Amino acid sequence: MKPMTKQVLALLLILSLIAVVGLTLYFAVTGSDYFWGMMVLMFFYPIFLWTMSFLYKWSKNNHKKS
């Protein structure tokens, strides 16, 4: 993957994490029913992203060994 592509994807990832946190705070302040759904998303979204990153690195290393 090209460095520029990695930088753009990293920026999009950071923006999506900021959006999740911002929406969670917004829903908390307004008392919306979506608050608890955003809390779950705020917990599992980073775990999902870490898992995808780990699997990408793992598959990349296994491909080199073969």
Protein backbone atom coordinates (compact mmCIF):
# COMPACT_ATOMS: atom_id res chain seq x y z
CA MET A 1 0.00 0.00 0.00
CA LYS A 2 1.30 3.44 -0.88
CA PRO A 3 2.22 5.84 1.95
CA MET A 4 -0.28 8.44 0.73
CA THR A 5 -3.09 5.88 0.81
CA LYS A 6 -2.14 4.88 4.35
CA GLN A 7 -2.17 8.52 5.44
CA VAL A 8 -5.60 9.14 3.94
CA LEU A 9 -7.02 5.98 5.53
CA ALA A 10 -5.49 6.92 8.90
CA LEU A 11 -7.06 10.37 8.67
CA LEU A 12 -10.46 8.87 7.84
CA LEU A 13 -10.12 6.48 10.76
CA ILE A 14 -9.31 9.30 13.17
CA LEU A 15 -12.24 11.34 11.87
CA SER A 16 -14.61 8.39 12.31
CA LEU A 17 -13.43 7.85 15.90
CA ILE A 18 -13.91 11.55 16.65
CA ALA A 19 -17.39 11.37 15.11
CA VAL A 20 -18.32 8.39 17.31
CA VAL A 21 -17.14 10.19 20.46
CA GLY A 22 -18.81 13.45 19.41
CA LEU A 23 -22.13 11.76 18.66
CA THR A 24 -21.99 9.89 21.96
CA LEU A 25 -21.53 13.17 23.81
CA TYR A 26 -24.30 14.80 21.79
CA PHE A 27 -26.74 11.99 22.52
CA ALA A 28 -25.77 12.08 26.20
CA VAL A 29 -26.45 15.80 26.47
CA THR A 30 -29.74 15.65 24.59
CA GLY A 31 -30.96 12.56 26.45
CA SER A 32 -31.56 10.62 23.26
CA ASP A 33 -32.41 6.91 23.22
CA TYR A 34 -29.45 6.37 20.90
CA PHE A 35 -27.00 7.12 23.71
CA TRP A 36 -26.66 3.50 24.85
CA GLY A 37 -26.20 2.29 21.29
CA MET A 38 -23.43 4.82 20.81
CA MET A 39 -21.84 3.70 24.09
CA VAL A 40 -21.74 0.13 22.77
CA LEU A 41 -20.34 1.36 19.47
CA MET A 42 -17.76 3.47 21.29
CA PHE A 43 -16.58 0.35 23.11
CA PHE A 44 -16.61 -2.18 20.27
CA TYR A 45 -15.56 0.00 17.30
CA PRO A 46 -11.92 0.43 18.44
CA ILE A 47 -11.75 -3.28 19.30
CA PHE A 48 -13.04 -4.14 15.83
CA LEU A 49 -10.51 -1.81 14.20
CA TRP A 50 -7.64 -3.27 16.24
CA THR A 51 -8.75 -6.80 15.30
CA MET A 52 -8.85 -5.92 11.60
CA SER A 53 -5.38 -4.35 11.84
CA PHE A 54 -4.04 -7.41 13.66
CA LEU A 55 -5.51 -9.81 11.07
CA TYR A 56 -4.06 -7.72 8.23
CA LYS A 57 -0.56 -7.83 9.75
CA TRP A 58 -0.92 -11.52 10.57
CA SER A 59 -1.99 -12.42 7.02
CA LYS A 60 0.78 -10.25 5.59
CA ASN A 61 3.40 -12.08 7.69
CA ASN A 62 1.97 -15.49 6.81
CA HIS A 63 2.03 -14.61 3.12
CA LYS A 64 5.75 -13.74 3.32
CA LYS A 65 6.61 -17.04 5.06
CA SER A 66 4.96 -19.16 2.35
